[in-house]
């Protein structure tokens, strides 16, 4: 920048220049190009650009209405709390490698906290360890991490936020057995084998159904949480077990696929279907009589609480190791509620 030669200006002109500079913050302001130093304060003690905490929310996928609702809750909380929120997710819930890459990218960006719904309860552990090393608090939502693997690796998390999947599965088993009159053949569409959520829901369902001694599980196979796989696996089950009375699917995406397979087999309304998550599509199917019921979780609440607790962690607050959210069976009698 060209500098003024004050020796060539008369005294009156110098006074005018100084007065103009004073109006804009002082003589140095006329010539200043340096940015304000970080943490600089003004007369009222306020920072010219207060730091907004940045929270990364990494989900399993956004191709499932359950996680779309979770994102809605997270964004609502972020806006309410003045938090910058970064939401990312792989296209498929099977893609643990992509999810781990996302965590590592957020570490490189030096976000203030990471909230994650793990695609692999044990597989995600190394990424959590890296976040720990970077001093970034990690919060787990919806799907628990493998406690033993975490302990062996020294992985630390702030809290788990989510519903009791085992209890949800148990509720589904009891409800379905009651509607079958405590007798009949049932098939199960499982989630991803070895993943905590899938295993907990399956275990809970078996516990709930076991109370009805005349109800038998005649088939149980993974459909990996996906609708098209739910259709294919259910189609094979229907062919192998022509006397099938009911299907329990560990999420609504698979349940909706099963309903399509039942319709294609010409058995609509003959086979009872119970899902898990109570998504909008599932509720519509329940209202239309194509689906018996679904275990409701509250993903928007999970997303909201996840952001709230992440901000508390950034601010150094003490947080409970586990924060539970409600589960309940949704069916035709309480659908309107």
C-alpha atoms as a PDB file:
ATOM      1  CA  UNK A   1       0.000   0.000   0.000  1.00  0.00           C
ATOM      2  CA  UNK A   2       1.290   3.506  -0.838  1.00  0.00           C
ATOM      3  CA  UNK A   3       2.105   5.493   2.325  1.00  0.00           C
ATOM      4  CA  UNK A   4       1.371   9.165   2.822  1.00  0.00           C
ATOM      5  CA  UNK A   5       4.328  11.597   3.162  1.00  0.00           C
ATOM      6  CA  UNK A   6       3.099  13.738   6.067  1.00  0.00           C
ATOM      7  CA  UNK A   7       5.990  16.233   5.641  1.00  0.00           C
ATOM      8  CA  UNK A   8       4.284  17.576   2.513  1.00  0.00           C
ATOM      9  CA  UNK A   9       0.963  18.278   4.264  1.00  0.00           C
ATOM     10  CA  UNK A  10       0.211  21.590   5.987  1.00  0.00           C
ATOM     11  CA  UNK A  11      -0.648  21.432   9.681  1.00  0.00           C
ATOM     12  CA  UNK A  12      -4.398  21.993   9.112  1.00  0.00           C
ATOM     13  CA  UNK A  13      -4.533  19.096   6.651  1.00  0.00           C
ATOM     14  CA  UNK A  14      -2.759  16.838   9.145  1.00  0.00           C
ATOM     15  CA  UNK A  15      -5.363  17.718  11.757  1.00  0.00           C
ATOM     16  CA  UNK A  16      -8.151  16.781   9.312  1.00  0.00           C
ATOM     17  CA  UNK A  17      -6.527  13.436   8.534  1.00  0.00           C
ATOM     18  CA  UNK A  18      -6.032  12.648  12.214  1.00  0.00           C
ATOM     19  CA  UNK A  19      -9.661  13.520  12.937  1.00  0.00           C
ATOM     20  CA  UNK A  20     -10.837  11.184  10.174  1.00  0.00           C
ATOM     21  CA  UNK A  21      -8.653   8.379  11.505  1.00  0.00           C
ATOM     22  CA  UNK A  22     -10.002   8.893  15.002  1.00  0.00           C
ATOM     23  CA  UNK A  23     -13.531   8.398  13.705  1.00  0.00           C
ATOM     24  CA  UNK A  24     -12.542   4.998  12.287  1.00  0.00           C
ATOM     25  CA  UNK A  25     -10.764   3.718  15.368  1.00  0.00           C
ATOM     26  CA  UNK A  26      -7.471   5.655  15.595  1.00  0.00           C
ATOM     27  CA  UNK A  27      -4.545   6.697  13.409  1.00  0.00           C
ATOM     28  CA  UNK A  28      -3.365   3.084  13.048  1.00  0.00           C
ATOM     29  CA  UNK A  29      -6.749   2.119  11.552  1.00  0.00           C
ATOM     30  CA  UNK A  30      -6.098   4.198   8.450  1.00  0.00           C
ATOM     31  CA  UNK A  31      -3.209   1.979   7.481  1.00  0.00           C
ATOM     32  CA  UNK A  32      -4.023  -1.343   9.264  1.00  0.00           C
ATOM     33  CA  UNK A  33      -4.400  -4.540   7.234  1.00  0.00           C
ATOM     34  CA  UNK A  34      -3.631  -7.124   9.951  1.00  0.00           C
ATOM     35  CA  UNK A  35      -6.590  -9.214  11.243  1.00  0.00           C
ATOM     36  CA  UNK A  36      -7.767  -8.840  14.812  1.00  0.00           C
ATOM     37  CA  UNK A  37      -5.730 -11.078  17.087  1.00  0.00           C
ATOM     38  CA  UNK A  38      -7.590 -14.232  18.251  1.00  0.00           C
ATOM     39  CA  UNK A  39      -9.266 -13.625  21.594  1.00  0.00           C
ATOM     40  CA  UNK A  40      -9.086  -9.840  21.239  1.00  0.00           C
ATOM     41  CA  UNK A  41     -11.783  -8.023  23.190  1.00  0.00           C
ATOM     42  CA  UNK A  42     -13.312  -4.582  23.001  1.00  0.00           C
ATOM     43  CA  UNK A  43     -14.719  -2.196  25.534  1.00  0.00           C
ATOM     44  CA  UNK A  44     -17.658  -4.414  26.459  1.00  0.00           C
ATOM     45  CA  UNK A  45     -15.421  -7.480  26.825  1.00  0.00           C
ATOM     46  CA  UNK A  46     -17.011  -9.265  23.842  1.00  0.00           C
ATOM     47  CA  UNK A  47     -15.046 -11.054  21.140  1.00  0.00           C
ATOM     48  CA  UNK A  48     -15.526  -9.713  17.581  1.00  0.00           C
ATOM     49  CA  UNK A  49     -16.278 -13.259  16.415  1.00  0.00           C
ATOM     50  CA  UNK A  50     -17.217 -15.592  19.252  1.00  0.00           C
ATOM     51  CA  UNK A  51     -16.212 -19.215  18.728  1.00  0.00           C
ATOM     52  CA  UNK A  52     -19.075 -21.508  17.720  1.00  0.00           C
ATOM     53  CA  UNK A  53     -18.409 -25.097  18.800  1.00  0.00           C
ATOM     54  CA  UNK A  54     -18.335 -27.503  15.873  1.00  0.00           C
ATOM     55  CA  UNK A  55     -19.926 -30.907  16.376  1.00  0.00           C
ATOM     56  CA  UNK A  56     -19.699 -33.732  13.848  1.00  0.00           C
ATOM     57  CA  UNK A  57     -22.675 -36.118  13.771  1.00  0.00           C
ATOM     58  CA  UNK A  58     -21.765 -39.253  11.818  1.00  0.00           C
ATOM     59  CA  UNK A  59     -24.696 -41.594  11.218  1.00  0.00           C
ATOM     60  CA  UNK A  60     -25.023 -45.092   9.809  1.00  0.00           C
ATOM     61  CA  UNK A  61     -26.776 -43.884   6.668  1.00  0.00           C
ATOM     62  CA  UNK A  62     -29.262 -41.261   5.521  1.00  0.00           C
ATOM     63  CA  UNK A  63     -31.074 -43.719   3.250  1.00  0.00           C
ATOM     64  CA  UNK A  64     -33.205 -44.860   6.166  1.00  0.00           C
ATOM     65  CA  UNK A  65     -36.069 -42.682   7.515  1.00  0.00           C
ATOM     66  CA  UNK A  66     -34.967 -43.502  11.063  1.00  0.00           C
ATOM     67  CA  UNK A  67     -31.685 -41.646  10.598  1.00  0.00           C
ATOM     68  CA  UNK A  68     -33.337 -38.871   8.620  1.00  0.00           C
ATOM     69  CA  UNK A  69     -35.471 -38.210  11.709  1.00  0.00           C
ATOM     70  CA  UNK A  70     -32.349 -38.347  13.867  1.00  0.00           C
ATOM     71  CA  UNK A  71     -30.740 -35.681  11.691  1.00  0.00           C
ATOM     72  CA  UNK A  72     -33.823 -33.472  12.055  1.00  0.00           C
ATOM     73  CA  UNK A  73     -33.550 -33.645  15.844  1.00  0.00           C
ATOM     74  CA  UNK A  74     -29.812 -32.963  15.760  1.00  0.00           C
ATOM     75  CA  UNK A  75     -30.176 -29.915  13.506  1.00  0.00           C
ATOM     76  CA  UNK A  76     -32.977 -28.501  15.639  1.00  0.00           C
ATOM     77  CA  UNK A  77     -30.789 -28.737  18.728  1.00  0.00           C
ATOM     78  CA  UNK A  78     -27.769 -27.264  16.926  1.00  0.00           C
ATOM     79  CA  UNK A  79     -29.774 -24.252  15.787  1.00  0.00           C
ATOM     80  CA  UNK A  80     -31.239 -23.756  19.241  1.00  0.00           C
ATOM     81  CA  UNK A  81     -27.836 -23.968  20.929  1.00  0.00           C
ATOM     82  CA  UNK A  82     -25.839 -21.968  18.382  1.00  0.00           C
ATOM     83  CA  UNK A  83     -23.696 -24.942  17.404  1.00  0.00           C
ATOM     84  CA  UNK A  84     -22.139 -25.555  14.006  1.00  0.00           C
ATOM     85  CA  UNK A  85     -23.236 -29.072  13.016  1.00  0.00           C
ATOM     86  CA  UNK A  86     -21.623 -31.288  10.372  1.00  0.00           C
ATOM     87  CA  UNK A  87     -23.739 -34.323   9.439  1.00  0.00           C
ATOM     88  CA  UNK A  88     -22.238 -37.154   7.407  1.00  0.00           C
ATOM     89  CA  UNK A  89     -23.144 -40.766   6.686  1.00  0.00           C
ATOM     90  CA  UNK A  90     -22.196 -43.547   4.266  1.00  0.00           C
ATOM     91  CA  UNK A  91     -24.723 -44.579   1.640  1.00  0.00           C
ATOM     92  CA  UNK A  92     -25.076 -48.051   3.151  1.00  0.00           C
ATOM     93  CA  UNK A  93     -25.079 -49.276   6.728  1.00  0.00           C
ATOM     94  CA  UNK A  94     -22.647 -52.012   5.709  1.00  0.00           C
ATOM     95  CA  UNK A  95     -19.942 -49.480   4.844  1.00  0.00           C
ATOM     96  CA  UNK A  96     -17.931 -49.324   8.053  1.00  0.00           C
ATOM     97  CA  UNK A  97     -14.746 -48.355   6.196  1.00  0.00           C
ATOM     98  CA  UNK A  98     -16.356 -45.203   4.829  1.00  0.00           C
ATOM     99  CA  UNK A  99     -17.699 -44.312   8.253  1.00  0.00           C
ATOM    100  CA  UNK A 100     -14.236 -44.690   9.794  1.00  0.00           C
ATOM    101  CA  UNK A 101     -12.828 -42.402   7.090  1.00  0.00           C
ATOM    102  CA  UNK A 102     -15.439 -39.805   8.012  1.00  0.00           C
ATOM    103  CA  UNK A 103     -14.397 -39.932  11.656  1.00  0.00           C
ATOM    104  CA  UNK A 104     -10.747 -39.488  10.695  1.00  0.00           C
ATOM    105  CA  UNK A 105     -11.659 -36.547   8.423  1.00  0.00           C
ATOM    106  CA  UNK A 106     -13.459 -34.869  11.311  1.00  0.00           C
ATOM    107  CA  UNK A 107     -10.399 -35.390  13.495  1.00  0.00           C
ATOM    108  CA  UNK A 108      -8.300 -33.660  10.826  1.00  0.00           C
ATOM    109  CA  UNK A 109     -10.787 -30.786  10.767  1.00  0.00           C
ATOM    110  CA  UNK A 110     -10.345 -30.498  14.537  1.00  0.00           C
ATOM    111  CA  UNK A 111     -14.027 -30.511  15.394  1.00  0.00           C
ATOM    112  CA  UNK A 112     -14.880 -29.984  19.046  1.00  0.00           C
ATOM    113  CA  UNK A 113     -16.851 -33.237  19.485  1.00  0.00           C
ATOM    114  CA  UNK A 114     -17.947 -36.290  17.498  1.00  0.00           C
ATOM    115  CA  UNK A 115     -21.326 -37.994  17.849  1.00  0.00           C
ATOM    116  CA  UNK A 116     -21.600 -41.323  16.054  1.00  0.00           C
ATOM    117  CA  UNK A 117     -24.037 -44.177  15.413  1.00  0.00           C
ATOM    118  CA  UNK A 118     -21.530 -46.969  14.727  1.00  0.00           C
ATOM    119  CA  UNK A 119     -21.887 -49.209  11.685  1.00  0.00           C
ATOM    120  CA  UNK A 120     -19.661 -51.708  13.457  1.00  0.00           C
ATOM    121  CA  UNK A 121     -19.609 -52.041  17.226  1.00  0.00           C
ATOM    122  CA  UNK A 122     -16.047 -53.380  17.291  1.00  0.00           C
ATOM    123  CA  UNK A 123     -14.796 -52.060  13.954  1.00  0.00           C
ATOM    124  CA  UNK A 124     -15.276 -48.420  14.947  1.00  0.00           C
ATOM    125  CA  UNK A 125     -12.971 -48.736  17.979  1.00  0.00           C
ATOM    126  CA  UNK A 126      -9.701 -47.701  16.212  1.00  0.00           C
ATOM    127  CA  UNK A 127     -11.332 -44.474  14.987  1.00  0.00           C
ATOM    128  CA  UNK A 128     -12.504 -43.701  18.524  1.00  0.00           C
ATOM    129  CA  UNK A 129      -8.965 -44.250  19.813  1.00  0.00           C
ATOM    130  CA  UNK A 130      -7.674 -41.713  17.261  1.00  0.00           C
ATOM    131  CA  UNK A 131     -10.272 -39.181  18.392  1.00  0.00           C
ATOM    132  CA  UNK A 132      -9.219 -39.781  22.009  1.00  0.00           C
ATOM    133  CA  UNK A 133      -5.595 -39.106  21.072  1.00  0.00           C
ATOM    134  CA  UNK A 134      -6.665 -35.822  19.465  1.00  0.00           C
ATOM    135  CA  UNK A 135      -8.544 -34.797  22.612  1.00  0.00           C
ATOM    136  CA  UNK A 136     -11.951 -34.887  20.903  1.00  0.00           C
ATOM    137  CA  UNK A 137     -14.837 -36.229  23.030  1.00  0.00           C
ATOM    138  CA  UNK A 138     -16.840 -39.038  21.398  1.00  0.00           C
ATOM    139  CA  UNK A 139     -20.499 -39.759  22.140  1.00  0.00           C
ATOM    140  CA  UNK A 140     -22.286 -42.932  20.970  1.00  0.00           C
ATOM    141  CA  UNK A 141     -25.914 -42.885  19.823  1.00  0.00           C
ATOM    142  CA  UNK A 142     -28.355 -45.739  19.061  1.00  0.00           C
ATOM    143  CA  UNK A 143     -25.847 -48.615  18.727  1.00  0.00           C
ATOM    144  CA  UNK A 144     -23.455 -49.501  21.519  1.00  0.00           C
ATOM    145  CA  UNK A 145     -19.799 -50.147  20.891  1.00  0.00           C
ATOM    146  CA  UNK A 146     -18.226 -53.474  21.854  1.00  0.00           C
ATOM    147  CA  UNK A 147     -17.336 -52.968  25.513  1.00  0.00           C
ATOM    148  CA  UNK A 148     -14.603 -55.613  25.609  1.00  0.00           C
ATOM    149  CA  UNK A 149     -12.940 -54.389  22.402  1.00  0.00           C
ATOM    150  CA  UNK A 150     -13.074 -50.814  23.711  1.00  0.00           C
ATOM    151  CA  UNK A 151     -11.519 -51.838  27.012  1.00  0.00           C
ATOM    152  CA  UNK A 152      -8.690 -53.732  25.309  1.00  0.00           C
ATOM    153  CA  UNK A 153      -7.938 -50.814  22.968  1.00  0.00           C
ATOM    154  CA  UNK A 154      -8.305 -48.163  25.663  1.00  0.00           C
ATOM    155  CA  UNK A 155     -11.098 -46.440  23.723  1.00  0.00           C
ATOM    156  CA  UNK A 156     -13.022 -43.875  25.767  1.00  0.00           C
ATOM    157  CA  UNK A 157     -16.493 -42.511  25.103  1.00  0.00           C
ATOM    158  CA  UNK A 158     -18.465 -39.875  26.996  1.00  0.00           C
ATOM    159  CA  UNK A 159     -21.862 -41.565  27.019  1.00  0.00           C
ATOM    160  CA  UNK A 160     -24.299 -43.840  25.216  1.00  0.00           C
ATOM    161  CA  UNK A 161     -27.629 -42.322  24.148  1.00  0.00           C
ATOM    162  CA  UNK A 162     -30.342 -44.641  22.920  1.00  0.00           C
ATOM    163  CA  UNK A 163     -33.104 -47.069  23.609  1.00  0.00           C
ATOM    164  CA  UNK A 164     -32.892 -50.569  25.054  1.00  0.00           C
ATOM    165  CA  UNK A 165     -32.928 -52.709  21.922  1.00  0.00           C
ATOM    166  CA  UNK A 166     -33.189 -55.939  23.882  1.00  0.00           C
ATOM    167  CA  UNK A 167     -36.281 -54.650  25.661  1.00  0.00           C
ATOM    168  CA  UNK A 168     -37.752 -53.521  22.346  1.00  0.00           C
ATOM    169  CA  UNK A 169     -37.245 -56.980  20.882  1.00  0.00           C
ATOM    170  CA  UNK A 170     -38.808 -58.580  23.945  1.00  0.00           C
ATOM    171  CA  UNK A 171     -41.866 -56.329  23.639  1.00  0.00           C
ATOM    172  CA  UNK A 172     -42.204 -57.313  19.985  1.00  0.00           C
ATOM    173  CA  UNK A 173     -41.992 -61.021  20.841  1.00  0.00           C
ATOM    174  CA  UNK A 174     -44.649 -60.810  23.539  1.00  0.00           C
ATOM    175  CA  UNK A 175     -46.946 -58.731  21.333  1.00  0.00           C
ATOM    176  CA  UNK A 176     -46.663 -61.077  18.345  1.00  0.00           C
ATOM    177  CA  UNK A 177     -47.138 -64.208  20.450  1.00  0.00           C
ATOM    178  CA  UNK A 178     -50.290 -62.716  21.936  1.00  0.00           C
ATOM    179  CA  UNK A 179     -51.720 -61.932  18.514  1.00  0.00           C
ATOM    180  CA  UNK A 180     -50.937 -65.457  17.307  1.00  0.00           C
ATOM    181  CA  UNK A 181     -52.821 -66.932  20.238  1.00  0.00           C
ATOM    182  CA  UNK A 182     -49.588 -68.409  21.582  1.00  0.00           C
ATOM    183  CA  UNK A 183     -49.173 -70.824  18.678  1.00  0.00           C
ATOM    184  CA  UNK A 184     -47.812 -70.651  15.155  1.00  0.00           C
ATOM    185  CA  UNK A 185     -44.715 -70.511  12.922  1.00  0.00           C
ATOM    186  CA  UNK A 186     -42.602 -67.365  12.894  1.00  0.00           C
ATOM    187  CA  UNK A 187     -39.688 -66.255  10.709  1.00  0.00           C
ATOM    188  CA  UNK A 188     -37.166 -63.564  11.648  1.00  0.00           C
ATOM    189  CA  UNK A 189     -35.353 -61.059   9.423  1.00  0.00           C
ATOM    190  CA  UNK A 190     -32.191 -60.153  11.304  1.00  0.00           C
ATOM    191  CA  UNK A 191     -29.990 -57.081  10.938  1.00  0.00           C
ATOM    192  CA  UNK A 192     -26.242 -57.260  10.338  1.00  0.00           C
ATOM    193  CA  UNK A 193     -24.852 -60.265  12.241  1.00  0.00           C
ATOM    194  CA  UNK A 194     -22.466 -59.404  15.039  1.00  0.00           C
ATOM    195  CA  UNK A 195     -23.688 -55.826  15.372  1.00  0.00           C
ATOM    196  CA  UNK A 196     -24.899 -54.889  18.830  1.00  0.00           C
ATOM    197  CA  UNK A 197     -28.268 -53.510  17.738  1.00  0.00           C
ATOM    198  CA  UNK A 198     -29.126 -56.549  15.619  1.00  0.00           C
ATOM    199  CA  UNK A 199     -28.006 -59.029  18.266  1.00  0.00           C
ATOM    200  CA  UNK A 200     -29.882 -57.228  21.055  1.00  0.00           C
ATOM    201  CA  UNK A 201     -33.165 -57.066  19.137  1.00  0.00           C
ATOM    202  CA  UNK A 202     -32.918 -60.716  18.100  1.00  0.00           C
ATOM    203  CA  UNK A 203     -32.103 -61.834  21.639  1.00  0.00           C
ATOM    204  CA  UNK A 204     -34.951 -59.812  23.092  1.00  0.00           C
ATOM    205  CA  UNK A 205     -37.433 -61.153  20.538  1.00  0.00           C
ATOM    206  CA  UNK A 206     -36.463 -64.751  21.279  1.00  0.00           C
ATOM    207  CA  UNK A 207     -36.931 -64.072  24.982  1.00  0.00           C
ATOM    208  CA  UNK A 208     -40.367 -62.544  24.434  1.00  0.00           C
ATOM    209  CA  UNK A 209     -41.578 -65.277  22.110  1.00  0.00           C
ATOM    210  CA  UNK A 210     -40.255 -68.054  24.383  1.00  0.00           C
ATOM    211  CA  UNK A 211     -43.035 -67.407  26.869  1.00  0.00           C
ATOM    212  CA  UNK A 212     -45.470 -68.848  24.312  1.00  0.00           C
ATOM    213  CA  UNK A 213     -44.408 -72.479  24.197  1.00  0.00           C
ATOM    214  CA  UNK A 214     -46.386 -73.327  21.051  1.00  0.00           C
ATOM    215  CA  UNK A 215     -44.847 -70.532  18.928  1.00  0.00           C
ATOM    216  CA  UNK A 216     -41.851 -71.757  16.937  1.00  0.00           C
ATOM    217  CA  UNK A 217     -39.196 -69.765  15.098  1.00  0.00           C
ATOM    218  CA  UNK A 218     -38.788 -71.820  11.926  1.00  0.00           C
ATOM    219  CA  UNK A 219     -36.349 -69.510  10.100  1.00  0.00           C
ATOM    220  CA  UNK A 220     -34.009 -66.673  11.077  1.00  0.00           C
ATOM    221  CA  UNK A 221     -31.721 -65.023   8.521  1.00  0.00           C
ATOM    222  CA  UNK A 222     -29.931 -61.676   8.085  1.00  0.00           C
ATOM    223  CA  UNK A 223     -31.286 -59.120   5.631  1.00  0.00           C
ATOM    224  CA  UNK A 224     -28.768 -56.444   6.672  1.00  0.00           C
ATOM    225  CA  UNK A 225     -31.326 -53.724   7.487  1.00  0.00           C
ATOM    226  CA  UNK A 226     -32.176 -53.190   3.783  1.00  0.00           C
ATOM    227  CA  UNK A 227     -35.573 -53.269   2.109  1.00  0.00           C
ATOM    228  CA  UNK A 228     -34.552 -55.134  -1.034  1.00  0.00           C
ATOM    229  CA  UNK A 229     -32.787 -57.798   0.998  1.00  0.00           C
ATOM    230  CA  UNK A 230     -35.832 -58.032   3.248  1.00  0.00           C
ATOM    231  CA  UNK A 231     -37.910 -58.773   0.158  1.00  0.00           C
ATOM    232  CA  UNK A 232     -35.521 -61.442  -1.147  1.00  0.00           C
ATOM    233  CA  UNK A 233     -35.001 -63.223   2.170  1.00  0.00           C
ATOM    234  CA  UNK A 234     -38.724 -63.150   3.025  1.00  0.00           C
ATOM    235  CA  UNK A 235     -39.563 -64.514  -0.420  1.00  0.00           C
ATOM    236  CA  UNK A 236     -37.279 -67.506   0.177  1.00  0.00           C
ATOM    237  CA  UNK A 237     -38.746 -68.041   3.640  1.00  0.00           C
ATOM    238  CA  UNK A 238     -42.292 -68.067   2.268  1.00  0.00           C
ATOM    239  CA  UNK A 239     -41.353 -70.716  -0.266  1.00  0.00           C
ATOM    240  CA  UNK A 240     -39.539 -72.858   2.296  1.00  0.00           C
ATOM    241  CA  UNK A 241     -42.280 -72.526   4.938  1.00  0.00           C
ATOM    242  CA  UNK A 242     -45.722 -72.414   3.282  1.00  0.00           C
ATOM    243  CA  UNK A 243     -47.477 -72.572   6.678  1.00  0.00           C
ATOM    244  CA  UNK A 244     -45.716 -69.479   8.020  1.00  0.00           C
ATOM    245  CA  UNK A 245     -47.933 -67.349  10.252  1.00  0.00           C
ATOM    246  CA  UNK A 246     -45.800 -64.302  11.039  1.00  0.00           C
ATOM    247  CA  UNK A 247     -42.565 -62.456  10.348  1.00  0.00           C
ATOM    248  CA  UNK A 248     -40.594 -60.295  12.778  1.00  0.00           C
ATOM    249  CA  UNK A 249     -38.179 -57.897  11.101  1.00  0.00           C
ATOM    250  CA  UNK A 250     -35.518 -56.188  13.215  1.00  0.00           C
ATOM    251  CA  UNK A 251     -36.178 -52.891  11.423  1.00  0.00           C
ATOM    252  CA  UNK A 252     -38.969 -51.393   9.348  1.00  0.00           C
ATOM    253  CA  UNK A 253     -37.021 -51.321   6.103  1.00  0.00           C
ATOM    254  CA  UNK A 254     -36.799 -55.118   6.130  1.00  0.00           C
ATOM    255  CA  UNK A 255     -40.406 -55.377   7.340  1.00  0.00           C
ATOM    256  CA  UNK A 256     -41.629 -53.330   4.386  1.00  0.00           C
ATOM    257  CA  UNK A 257     -39.650 -55.572   2.051  1.00  0.00           C
ATOM    258  CA  UNK A 258     -41.303 -58.596   3.680  1.00  0.00           C
ATOM    259  CA  UNK A 259     -44.742 -57.076   3.141  1.00  0.00           C
ATOM    260  CA  UNK A 260     -43.938 -56.721  -0.568  1.00  0.00           C
ATOM    261  CA  UNK A 261     -42.851 -60.376  -0.707  1.00  0.00           C
ATOM    262  CA  UNK A 262     -46.059 -61.448   1.043  1.00  0.00           C
ATOM    263  CA  UNK A 263     -48.109 -59.455  -1.458  1.00  0.00           C
ATOM    264  CA  UNK A 264     -46.202 -60.973  -4.392  1.00  0.00           C
ATOM    265  CA  UNK A 265     -46.956 -64.442  -2.994  1.00  0.00           C
ATOM    266  CA  UNK A 266     -50.684 -63.647  -2.892  1.00  0.00           C
ATOM    267  CA  UNK A 267     -50.824 -63.868   0.915  1.00  0.00           C
ATOM    268  CA  UNK A 268     -51.565 -60.265   1.864  1.00  0.00           C
ATOM    269  CA  UNK A 269     -53.113 -59.956   5.333  1.00  0.00           C
ATOM    270  CA  UNK A 270     -52.627 -63.696   5.904  1.00  0.00           C
ATOM    271  CA  UNK A 271     -49.189 -63.341   7.504  1.00  0.00           C
ATOM    272  CA  UNK A 272     -48.623 -60.988  10.419  1.00  0.00           C
ATOM    273  CA  UNK A 273     -45.622 -58.648  10.185  1.00  0.00           C
ATOM    274  CA  UNK A 274     -44.010 -56.792  13.092  1.00  0.00           C
ATOM    275  CA  UNK A 275     -41.177 -54.322  12.527  1.00  0.00           C
ATOM    276  CA  UNK A 276     -38.946 -52.078  14.583  1.00  0.00           C
ATOM    277  CA  UNK A 277     -38.512 -48.259  14.507  1.00  0.00           C
ATOM    278  CA  UNK A 278     -42.102 -47.167  13.756  1.00  0.00           C
ATOM    279  CA  UNK A 279     -41.085 -45.050  10.766  1.00  0.00           C
ATOM    280  CA  UNK A 280     -43.691 -43.059   8.853  1.00  0.00           C
ATOM    281  CA  UNK A 281     -43.927 -45.735   6.143  1.00  0.00           C
ATOM    282  CA  UNK A 282     -44.422 -48.408   8.782  1.00  0.00           C
ATOM    283  CA  UNK A 283     -47.130 -46.387  10.511  1.00  0.00           C
ATOM    284  CA  UNK A 284     -48.894 -45.966   7.178  1.00  0.00           C
ATOM    285  CA  UNK A 285     -48.734 -49.730   6.624  1.00  0.00           C
ATOM    286  CA  UNK A 286     -50.141 -50.342  10.113  1.00  0.00           C
ATOM    287  CA  UNK A 287     -52.996 -47.950   9.418  1.00  0.00           C
ATOM    288  CA  UNK A 288     -53.740 -49.732   6.138  1.00  0.00           C
ATOM    289  CA  UNK A 289     -53.776 -53.136   7.843  1.00  0.00           C
ATOM    290  CA  UNK A 290     -50.721 -54.447   5.943  1.00  0.00           C
ATOM    291  CA  UNK A 291     -48.519 -54.498   9.035  1.00  0.00           C
ATOM    292  CA  UNK A 292     -49.437 -55.548  12.557  1.00  0.00           C
ATOM    293  CA  UNK A 293     -47.154 -53.262  14.517  1.00  0.00           C
ATOM    294  CA  UNK A 294     -43.692 -51.797  15.039  1.00  0.00           C
ATOM    295  CA  UNK A 295     -41.564 -51.001  18.061  1.00  0.00           C
ATOM    296  CA  UNK A 296     -41.222 -47.227  18.292  1.00  0.00           C
ATOM    297  CA  UNK A 297     -37.983 -45.531  19.145  1.00  0.00           C
ATOM    298  CA  UNK A 298     -37.539 -41.791  19.092  1.00  0.00           C
ATOM    299  CA  UNK A 299     -34.633 -40.991  16.765  1.00  0.00           C
ATOM    300  CA  UNK A 300     -35.290 -37.244  16.696  1.00  0.00           C
ATOM    301  CA  UNK A 301     -34.908 -37.216  20.484  1.00  0.00           C
ATOM    302  CA  UNK A 302     -31.682 -39.206  20.178  1.00  0.00           C
ATOM    303  CA  UNK A 303     -30.291 -36.683  17.707  1.00  0.00           C
ATOM    304  CA  UNK A 304     -31.306 -33.736  19.846  1.00  0.00           C
ATOM    305  CA  UNK A 305     -29.892 -35.186  23.058  1.00  0.00           C
ATOM    306  CA  UNK A 306     -26.722 -36.198  21.211  1.00  0.00           C
ATOM    307  CA  UNK A 307     -25.993 -32.596  20.249  1.00  0.00           C
ATOM    308  CA  UNK A 308     -26.975 -31.251  23.666  1.00  0.00           C
ATOM    309  CA  UNK A 309     -24.671 -33.661  25.497  1.00  0.00           C
ATOM    310  CA  UNK A 310     -21.834 -33.106  23.012  1.00  0.00           C
ATOM    311  CA  UNK A 311     -21.945 -29.390  23.769  1.00  0.00           C
ATOM    312  CA  UNK A 312     -21.948 -30.133  27.500  1.00  0.00           C
ATOM    313  CA  UNK A 313     -18.906 -32.371  27.006  1.00  0.00           C
ATOM    314  CA  UNK A 314     -17.092 -29.599  25.131  1.00  0.00           C
ATOM    315  CA  UNK A 315     -17.812 -27.283  28.051  1.00  0.00           C
ATOM    316  CA  UNK A 316     -16.443 -29.794  30.554  1.00  0.00           C
ATOM    317  CA  UNK A 317     -19.717 -30.804  32.197  1.00  0.00           C
ATOM    318  CA  UNK A 318     -20.157 -34.170  33.924  1.00  0.00           C
ATOM    319  CA  UNK A 319     -22.434 -36.470  31.878  1.00  0.00           C
ATOM    320  CA  UNK A 320     -24.111 -39.761  32.788  1.00  0.00           C
ATOM    321  CA  UNK A 321     -22.483 -42.789  31.189  1.00  0.00           C
ATOM    322  CA  UNK A 322     -25.827 -43.880  29.740  1.00  0.00           C
ATOM    323  CA  UNK A 323     -28.912 -41.882  28.732  1.00  0.00           C
ATOM    324  CA  UNK A 324     -31.943 -43.980  27.859  1.00  0.00           C
ATOM    325  CA  UNK A 325     -34.754 -43.155  25.443  1.00  0.00           C
ATOM    326  CA  UNK A 326     -38.214 -44.715  25.334  1.00  0.00           C
ATOM    327  CA  UNK A 327     -39.417 -47.764  23.389  1.00  0.00           C
ATOM    328  CA  UNK A 328     -43.034 -48.809  22.923  1.00  0.00           C
ATOM    329  CA  UNK A 329     -45.136 -50.965  20.608  1.00  0.00           C
ATOM    330  CA  UNK A 330     -47.154 -49.074  18.009  1.00  0.00           C
ATOM    331  CA  UNK A 331     -50.216 -50.852  16.585  1.00  0.00           C
ATOM    332  CA  UNK A 332     -53.667 -50.033  15.264  1.00  0.00           C
ATOM    333  CA  UNK A 333     -55.101 -49.256  18.720  1.00  0.00           C
ATOM    334  CA  UNK A 334     -52.583 -46.522  19.615  1.00  0.00           C
ATOM    335  CA  UNK A 335     -51.498 -45.406  16.138  1.00  0.00           C
ATOM    336  CA  UNK A 336     -53.437 -42.142  16.330  1.00  0.00           C
ATOM    337  CA  UNK A 337     -51.755 -41.269  19.629  1.00  0.00           C
END
